[in-house]
Protein backbone atom coordinates (compact mmCIF):
# COMPACT_ATOMS: atom_id res chain seq x y z
CA MET A 1 169.11 201.47 192.09
CA LYS A 2 168.76 205.66 191.59
CA ALA A 3 167.70 206.93 188.03
CA ARG A 4 169.88 208.59 186.09
CA LYS A 5 169.50 211.75 183.59
CA VAL A 6 169.75 210.87 180.04
CA LYS A 7 171.95 214.02 179.25
CA ASP A 8 174.20 213.16 182.25
CA LEU A 9 174.73 209.26 180.35
CA MET A 10 175.40 211.34 176.96
CA LYS A 11 178.33 213.17 178.69
CA VAL A 12 180.04 209.74 179.65
CA LEU A 13 179.18 208.17 176.43
CA LYS A 14 180.74 210.96 174.37
CA LYS A 15 183.96 210.85 177.16
CA LYS A 16 184.56 207.57 176.19
CA GLY A 17 184.20 207.52 172.30
CA PHE A 18 180.52 206.78 171.37
CA GLU A 19 179.02 209.88 168.92
CA LEU A 20 175.69 210.59 168.12
CA ASN A 21 174.96 209.59 164.98
CA PRO A 22 171.98 211.41 162.70
CA GLU A 23 168.78 211.43 164.93
CA LYS A 24 166.73 208.16 164.06
CA ASP A 25 162.51 208.42 164.46
CA HIS A 26 162.49 208.01 168.35
CA HIS A 27 165.88 207.57 169.53
CA ASN A 28 169.39 208.56 169.67
CA PHE A 29 172.18 206.30 168.30
CA TYR A 30 175.02 206.45 170.26
CA TYR A 31 178.16 204.87 168.28
CA LEU A 32 181.40 203.30 169.48
CA MET A 33 184.43 205.49 166.92
CA VAL A 34 187.56 203.67 167.16
CA ASP A 35 190.28 205.23 165.18
CA GLY A 36 188.06 207.47 163.37
CA LYS A 37 185.67 204.33 162.29
CA LYS A 38 182.18 203.70 163.53
CA SER A 39 182.44 200.21 165.12
CA SER A 40 179.29 197.74 165.46
CA ILE A 41 178.91 198.97 169.14
CA TYR A 42 176.33 201.01 169.82
CA THR A 43 173.26 202.06 172.34
CA TYR A 44 170.30 204.27 171.98
CA PHE A 45 168.00 206.60 173.96
CA SER A 46 164.32 207.65 173.13
CA HIS A 47 163.73 211.09 172.35
CA GLY A 48 161.16 210.78 175.20
CA LYS A 49 162.60 209.82 178.07
CA THR A 50 164.65 212.25 180.88
CA GLU A 51 166.29 209.46 182.94
CA TYR A 52 166.86 205.63 182.81
CA ALA A 53 167.19 203.29 186.02
CA THR A 54 170.87 202.30 186.13
CA SER A 55 169.61 198.31 186.34
CA LYS A 56 168.47 198.61 182.97
CA THR A 57 171.89 200.14 182.06
CA ILE A 58 175.51 200.04 181.96
CA VAL A 59 176.64 202.21 184.40
CA PHE A 60 179.89 204.18 182.28
CA SER A 61 181.00 205.43 185.88
CA GLU A 62 182.23 202.36 186.35
CA TYR A 63 184.25 201.58 183.38
CA LYS A 64 187.45 203.04 182.57
CA ASN A 65 188.46 204.62 179.19
CA SER A 66 190.88 203.08 178.03
């Protein structure tokens, strides 16, 4: 499967309502914001990675924003 660039995945996450939580050690955590509050739904990216294989990540473009 085609690898996706992290910066493209981050753009899609932000478009779908995720926000970057303050950076932690080796990961950037994105939490889904619902009604202005941080939910328990999150994902993260490693600082060192520039792309992820789609077989290991959700293909965000296939999901519609509700």
